[in-house]
Amino acid sequence: MAWHWRYENADGGVVTEGVAPSETFPSQADAESWLGESWRELLESGVEKVTLFEDDRIEYEKMSLRAE
């Protein structure tokens, strides 16, 4: 099973420019750890929300990168 992130802007559009292609991770923990280290750079690139997938299944979606 592979885990990966989808990056979205404030309008819900998928962000592909200015960010590295979505990496795949061997586990949910690895994907979450990477996001914990990379969220600031993603935010600076226009990413506002992320969705985590396990293959094609959504684990959780539209998680904001901004503090609430």
PDB file of N, CA and C in Angstrom:
ATOM      1  N   MET A   1       0.837  -1.175   0.000  1.00  0.00           N
ATOM      2  CA  MET A   1       0.000   0.000   0.000  1.00  0.00           C
ATOM      3  C   MET A   1       0.888   1.248   0.000  1.00  0.00           C
ATOM      4  N   ALA A   2       0.486   2.239  -0.737  1.00  0.00           N
ATOM      5  CA  ALA A   2       1.244   3.486  -0.811  1.00  0.00           C
ATOM      6  C   ALA A   2       0.377   4.639  -0.318  1.00  0.00           C
ATOM      7  N   TRP A   3       0.991   5.502   0.418  1.00  0.00           N
ATOM      8  CA  TRP A   3       0.329   6.687   0.951  1.00  0.00           C
ATOM      9  C   TRP A   3       0.849   7.907   0.215  1.00  0.00           C
ATOM     10  N   HIS A   4      -0.035   8.871  -0.065  1.00  0.00           N
ATOM     11  CA  HIS A   4       0.405  10.106  -0.721  1.00  0.00           C
ATOM     12  C   HIS A   4      -0.553  11.246  -0.384  1.00  0.00           C
ATOM     13  N   TRP A   5      -0.054  12.459  -0.576  1.00  0.00           N
ATOM     14  CA  TRP A   5      -0.817  13.676  -0.300  1.00  0.00           C
ATOM     15  C   TRP A   5      -1.294  14.305  -1.607  1.00  0.00           C
ATOM     16  N   ARG A   6      -2.464  14.941  -1.548  1.00  0.00           N
ATOM     17  CA  ARG A   6      -2.912  15.836  -2.620  1.00  0.00           C
ATOM     18  C   ARG A   6      -2.915  17.229  -2.023  1.00  0.00           C
ATOM     19  N   TYR A   7      -2.372  18.190  -2.764  1.00  0.00           N
ATOM     20  CA  TYR A   7      -2.247  19.564  -2.289  1.00  0.00           C
ATOM     21  C   TYR A   7      -3.340  20.422  -2.925  1.00  0.00           C
ATOM     22  N   GLU A   8      -3.979  21.292  -2.127  1.00  0.00           N
ATOM     23  CA  GLU A   8      -5.052  22.141  -2.628  1.00  0.00           C
ATOM     24  C   GLU A   8      -4.839  23.586  -2.207  1.00  0.00           C
ATOM     25  N   ASN A   9      -5.292  24.505  -3.069  1.00  0.00           N
ATOM     26  CA  ASN A   9      -5.241  25.922  -2.726  1.00  0.00           C
ATOM     27  C   ASN A   9      -6.504  26.299  -1.952  1.00  0.00           C
ATOM     28  N   ALA A  10      -6.651  27.581  -1.631  1.00  0.00           N
ATOM     29  CA  ALA A  10      -7.782  28.040  -0.819  1.00  0.00           C
ATOM     30  C   ALA A  10      -9.124  27.796  -1.496  1.00  0.00           C
ATOM     31  N   ASP A  11      -9.138  27.758  -2.836  1.00  0.00           N
ATOM     32  CA  ASP A  11     -10.380  27.527  -3.583  1.00  0.00           C
ATOM     33  C   ASP A  11     -10.674  26.051  -3.799  1.00  0.00           C
ATOM     34  N   GLY A  12      -9.807  25.175  -3.329  1.00  0.00           N
ATOM     35  CA  GLY A  12     -10.007  23.741  -3.500  1.00  0.00           C
ATOM     36  C   GLY A  12      -9.384  23.177  -4.754  1.00  0.00           C
ATOM     37  N   GLY A  13      -8.703  24.027  -5.528  1.00  0.00           N
ATOM     38  CA  GLY A  13      -8.013  23.548  -6.728  1.00  0.00           C
ATOM     39  C   GLY A  13      -6.740  22.818  -6.367  1.00  0.00           C
ATOM     40  N   VAL A  14      -6.389  21.856  -7.181  1.00  0.00           N
ATOM     41  CA  VAL A  14      -5.175  21.076  -6.947  1.00  0.00           C
ATOM     42  C   VAL A  14      -3.957  21.917  -7.306  1.00  0.00           C
ATOM     43  N   VAL A  15      -2.986  21.958  -6.412  1.00  0.00           N
ATOM     44  CA  VAL A  15      -1.739  22.696  -6.628  1.00  0.00           C
ATOM     45  C   VAL A  15      -0.688  21.717  -7.129  1.00  0.00           C
ATOM     46  N   THR A  16      -0.123  22.031  -8.296  1.00  0.00           N
ATOM     47  CA  THR A  16       0.952  21.205  -8.841  1.00  0.00           C
ATOM     48  C   THR A  16       2.199  22.031  -9.118  1.00  0.00           C
ATOM     49  N   GLU A  17       2.029  23.317  -9.382  1.00  0.00           N
ATOM     50  CA  GLU A  17       3.183  24.173  -9.679  1.00  0.00           C
ATOM     51  C   GLU A  17       3.765  24.729  -8.394  1.00  0.00           C
ATOM     52  N   GLY A  18       5.090  24.775  -8.343  1.00  0.00           N
ATOM     53  CA  GLY A  18       5.769  25.339  -7.188  1.00  0.00           C
ATOM     54  C   GLY A  18       5.936  24.375  -6.030  1.00  0.00           C
ATOM     55  N   VAL A  19       5.443  23.142  -6.182  1.00  0.00           N
ATOM     56  CA  VAL A  19       5.614  22.130  -5.138  1.00  0.00           C
ATOM     57  C   VAL A  19       6.199  20.877  -5.775  1.00  0.00           C
ATOM     58  N   ALA A  20       6.934  20.143  -4.983  1.00  0.00           N
ATOM     59  CA  ALA A  20       7.473  18.875  -5.482  1.00  0.00           C
ATOM     60  C   ALA A  20       6.311  17.925  -5.737  1.00  0.00           C
ATOM     61  N   PRO A  21       6.447  17.060  -6.717  1.00  0.00           N
ATOM     62  CA  PRO A  21       5.379  16.075  -6.939  1.00  0.00           C
ATOM     63  C   PRO A  21       5.124  15.292  -5.659  1.00  0.00           C
ATOM     64  N   SER A  22       3.906  14.893  -5.492  1.00  0.00           N
ATOM     65  CA  SER A  22       3.547  14.155  -4.287  1.00  0.00           C
ATOM     66  C   SER A  22       4.364  12.881  -4.175  1.00  0.00           C
ATOM     67  N   GLU A  23       5.102  12.791  -3.102  1.00  0.00           N
ATOM     68  CA  GLU A  23       5.869  11.579  -2.839  1.00  0.00           C
ATOM     69  C   GLU A  23       4.929  10.481  -2.383  1.00  0.00           C
ATOM     70  N   THR A  24       5.369   9.248  -2.515  1.00  0.00           N
ATOM     71  CA  THR A  24       4.632   8.145  -1.914  1.00  0.00           C
ATOM     72  C   THR A  24       5.415   7.664  -0.706  1.00  0.00           C
ATOM     73  N   PHE A  25       4.681   7.179   0.265  1.00  0.00           N
ATOM     74  CA  PHE A  25       5.261   6.771   1.535  1.00  0.00           C
ATOM     75  C   PHE A  25       4.804   5.353   1.858  1.00  0.00           C
ATOM     76  N   PRO A  26       5.633   4.571   2.542  1.00  0.00           N
ATOM     77  CA  PRO A  26       5.269   3.189   2.844  1.00  0.00           C
ATOM     78  C   PRO A  26       4.237   3.056   3.963  1.00  0.00           C
ATOM     79  N   SER A  27       4.045   4.120   4.757  1.00  0.00           N
ATOM     80  CA  SER A  27       3.084   4.035   5.860  1.00  0.00           C
ATOM     81  C   SER A  27       2.443   5.399   6.106  1.00  0.00           C
ATOM     82  N   GLN A  28       1.332   5.370   6.793  1.00  0.00           N
ATOM     83  CA  GLN A  28       0.646   6.607   7.168  1.00  0.00           C
ATOM     84  C   GLN A  28       1.547   7.444   8.069  1.00  0.00           C
ATOM     85  N   ALA A  29       2.231   6.802   8.989  1.00  0.00           N
ATOM     86  CA  ALA A  29       3.124   7.519   9.911  1.00  0.00           C
ATOM     87  C   ALA A  29       4.231   8.245   9.161  1.00  0.00           C
ATOM     88  N   ASP A  30       4.790   7.609   8.131  1.00  0.00           N
ATOM     89  CA  ASP A  30       5.835   8.257   7.336  1.00  0.00           C
ATOM     90  C   ASP A  30       5.283   9.472   6.605  1.00  0.00           C
ATOM     91  N   ALA A  31       4.088   9.336   6.031  1.00  0.00           N
ATOM     92  CA  ALA A  31       3.467  10.452   5.317  1.00  0.00           C
ATOM     93  C   ALA A  31       3.189  11.611   6.268  1.00  0.00           C
ATOM     94  N   GLU A  32       2.673  11.317   7.440  1.00  0.00           N
ATOM     95  CA  GLU A  32       2.356  12.360   8.417  1.00  0.00           C
ATOM     96  C   GLU A  32       3.625  13.015   8.955  1.00  0.00           C
ATOM     97  N   SER A  33       4.659  12.238   9.164  1.00  0.00           N
ATOM     98  CA  SER A  33       5.927  12.791   9.637  1.00  0.00           C
ATOM     99  C   SER A  33       6.502  13.753   8.607  1.00  0.00           C
ATOM    100  N   TRP A  34       6.466  13.350   7.331  1.00  0.00           N
ATOM    101  CA  TRP A  34       6.956  14.216   6.259  1.00  0.00           C
ATOM    102  C   TRP A  34       6.170  15.522   6.224  1.00  0.00           C
ATOM    103  N   LEU A  35       4.856  15.454   6.360  1.00  0.00           N
ATOM    104  CA  LEU A  35       4.040  16.662   6.340  1.00  0.00           C
ATOM    105  C   LEU A  35       4.405  17.569   7.516  1.00  0.00           C
ATOM    106  N   GLY A  36       4.644  16.974   8.679  1.00  0.00           N
ATOM    107  CA  GLY A  36       5.046  17.749   9.841  1.00  0.00           C
ATOM    108  C   GLY A  36       6.332  18.526   9.621  1.00  0.00           C
ATOM    109  N   GLU A  37       7.200  18.001   8.777  1.00  0.00           N
ATOM    110  CA  GLU A  37       8.462  18.672   8.468  1.00  0.00           C
ATOM    111  C   GLU A  37       8.345  19.639   7.296  1.00  0.00           C
ATOM    112  N   SER A  38       7.334  19.483   6.456  1.00  0.00           N
ATOM    113  CA  SER A  38       7.267  20.207   5.180  1.00  0.00           C
ATOM    114  C   SER A  38       6.114  21.193   5.060  1.00  0.00           C
ATOM    115  N   TRP A  39       5.244  21.281   6.040  1.00  0.00           N
ATOM    116  CA  TRP A  39       4.025  22.077   5.870  1.00  0.00           C
ATOM    117  C   TRP A  39       4.307  23.555   5.621  1.00  0.00           C
ATOM    118  N   ARG A  40       5.351  24.089   6.224  1.00  0.00           N
ATOM    119  CA  ARG A  40       5.651  25.513   6.023  1.00  0.00           C
ATOM    120  C   ARG A  40       6.013  25.805   4.567  1.00  0.00           C
ATOM    121  N   GLU A  41       6.848  24.953   3.988  1.00  0.00           N
ATOM    122  CA  GLU A  41       7.230  25.127   2.582  1.00  0.00           C
ATOM    123  C   GLU A  41       6.024  24.982   1.664  1.00  0.00           C
ATOM    124  N   LEU A  42       5.145  24.035   1.979  1.00  0.00           N
ATOM    125  CA  LEU A  42       3.935  23.865   1.173  1.00  0.00           C
ATOM    126  C   LEU A  42       3.060  25.110   1.254  1.00  0.00           C
ATOM    127  N   LEU A  43       2.892  25.645   2.448  1.00  0.00           N
ATOM    128  CA  LEU A  43       2.079  26.845   2.642  1.00  0.00           C
ATOM    129  C   LEU A  43       2.651  28.015   1.847  1.00  0.00           C
ATOM    130  N   GLU A  44       3.960  28.162   1.863  1.00  0.00           N
ATOM    131  CA  GLU A  44       4.613  29.227   1.095  1.00  0.00           C
ATOM    132  C   GLU A  44       4.429  29.044  -0.411  1.00  0.00           C
ATOM    133  N   SER A  45       4.172  27.825  -0.848  1.00  0.00           N
ATOM    134  CA  SER A  45       3.969  27.528  -2.271  1.00  0.00           C
ATOM    135  C   SER A  45       2.513  27.632  -2.696  1.00  0.00           C
ATOM    136  N   GLY A  46       1.647  28.068  -1.770  1.00  0.00           N
ATOM    137  CA  GLY A  46       0.239  28.241  -2.113  1.00  0.00           C
ATOM    138  C   GLY A  46      -0.675  27.107  -1.710  1.00  0.00           C
ATOM    139  N   VAL A  47      -0.134  26.110  -1.028  1.00  0.00           N
ATOM    140  CA  VAL A  47      -0.966  24.999  -0.560  1.00  0.00           C
ATOM    141  C   VAL A  47      -1.632  25.420   0.748  1.00  0.00           C
ATOM    142  N   GLU A  48      -2.946  25.297   0.794  1.00  0.00           N
ATOM    143  CA  GLU A  48      -3.702  25.647   2.000  1.00  0.00           C
ATOM    144  C   GLU A  48      -4.239  24.417   2.726  1.00  0.00           C
ATOM    145  N   LYS A  49      -4.564  23.377   1.944  1.00  0.00           N
ATOM    146  CA  LYS A  49      -5.161  22.165   2.507  1.00  0.00           C
ATOM    147  C   LYS A  49      -4.531  20.948   1.858  1.00  0.00           C
ATOM    148  N   VAL A  50      -4.543  19.851   2.580  1.00  0.00           N
ATOM    149  CA  VAL A  50      -4.014  18.597   2.042  1.00  0.00           C
ATOM    150  C   VAL A  50      -5.004  17.470   2.301  1.00  0.00           C
ATOM    151  N   THR A  51      -4.951  16.482   1.439  1.00  0.00           N
ATOM    152  CA  THR A  51      -5.749  15.269   1.587  1.00  0.00           C
ATOM    153  C   THR A  51      -4.784  14.095   1.559  1.00  0.00           C
ATOM    154  N   LEU A  52      -4.968  13.165   2.494  1.00  0.00           N
ATOM    155  CA  LEU A  52      -4.111  11.989   2.570  1.00  0.00           C
ATOM    156  C   LEU A  52      -4.837  10.787   1.979  1.00  0.00           C
ATOM    157  N   PHE A  53      -4.151  10.102   1.056  1.00  0.00           N
ATOM    158  CA  PHE A  53      -4.700   8.916   0.410  1.00  0.00           C
ATOM    159  C   PHE A  53      -3.870   7.691   0.758  1.00  0.00           C
ATOM    160  N   GLU A  54      -4.545   6.575   0.903  1.00  0.00           N
ATOM    161  CA  GLU A  54      -3.904   5.265   0.898  1.00  0.00           C
ATOM    162  C   GLU A  54      -4.334   4.639  -0.419  1.00  0.00           C
ATOM    163  N   ASP A  55      -3.418   4.562  -1.367  1.00  0.00           N
ATOM    164  CA  ASP A  55      -3.740   4.202  -2.744  1.00  0.00           C
ATOM    165  C   ASP A  55      -4.826   5.161  -3.240  1.00  0.00           C
ATOM    166  N   ASP A  56      -6.043   4.685  -3.526  1.00  0.00           N
ATOM    167  CA  ASP A  56      -7.123   5.559  -3.995  1.00  0.00           C
ATOM    168  C   ASP A  56      -8.112   5.929  -2.895  1.00  0.00           C
ATOM    169  N   ARG A  57      -7.957   5.354  -1.714  1.00  0.00           N
ATOM    170  CA  ARG A  57      -8.881   5.599  -0.603  1.00  0.00           C
ATOM    171  C   ARG A  57      -8.450   6.832   0.188  1.00  0.00           C
ATOM    172  N   ILE A  58      -9.411   7.706   0.472  1.00  0.00           N
ATOM    173  CA  ILE A  58      -9.120   8.901   1.273  1.00  0.00           C
ATOM    174  C   ILE A  58      -9.102   8.526   2.750  1.00  0.00           C
ATOM    175  N   GLU A  59      -7.987   8.823   3.400  1.00  0.00           N
ATOM    176  CA  GLU A  59      -7.879   8.616   4.851  1.00  0.00           C
ATOM    177  C   GLU A  59      -8.481   9.811   5.584  1.00  0.00           C
ATOM    178  N   TYR A  60      -8.066  11.007   5.203  1.00  0.00           N
ATOM    179  CA  TYR A  60      -8.731  12.228   5.658  1.00  0.00           C
ATOM    180  C   TYR A  60      -8.486  13.304   4.634  1.00  0.00           C
ATOM    181  N   GLU A  61      -9.419  14.251   4.562  1.00  0.00           N
ATOM    182  CA  GLU A  61      -9.329  15.206   3.488  1.00  0.00           C
ATOM    183  C   GLU A  61      -9.490  16.649   3.950  1.00  0.00           C
ATOM    184  N   LYS A  62      -8.915  17.501   3.134  1.00  0.00           N
ATOM    185  CA  LYS A  62      -8.996  18.949   3.286  1.00  0.00           C
ATOM    186  C   LYS A  62      -8.547  19.422   4.666  1.00  0.00           C
ATOM    187  N   MET A  63      -7.425  18.878   5.109  1.00  0.00           N
ATOM    188  CA  MET A  63      -6.840  19.300   6.376  1.00  0.00           C
ATOM    189  C   MET A  63      -6.085  20.611   6.131  1.00  0.00           C
ATOM    190  N   SER A  64      -6.440  21.627   6.881  1.00  0.00           N
ATOM    191  CA  SER A  64      -5.814  22.934   6.717  1.00  0.00           C
ATOM    192  C   SER A  64      -4.382  22.929   7.232  1.00  0.00           C
ATOM    193  N   LEU A  65      -3.515  23.668   6.543  1.00  0.00           N
ATOM    194  CA  LEU A  65      -2.140  23.823   7.011  1.00  0.00           C
ATOM    195  C   LEU A  65      -1.992  25.058   7.904  1.00  0.00           C
ATOM    196  N   ARG A  66      -3.049  25.825   8.053  1.00  0.00           N
ATOM    197  CA  ARG A  66      -3.021  27.024   8.896  1.00  0.00           C
ATOM    198  C   ARG A  66      -3.556  26.717  10.290  1.00  0.00           C
ATOM    199  N   ALA A  67      -2.977  27.403  11.263  1.00  0.00           N
ATOM    200  CA  ALA A  67      -3.465  27.272  12.637  1.00  0.00           C
ATOM    201  C   ALA A  67      -4.881  27.834  12.722  1.00  0.00           C
ATOM    202  N   GLU A  68      -5.704  27.175  13.468  1.00  0.00           N
ATOM    203  CA  GLU A  68      -7.087  27.645  13.573  1.00  0.00           C
ATOM    204  C   GLU A  68      -7.277  28.550  14.746  1.00  0.00           C
TER     205      GLU A  68
END
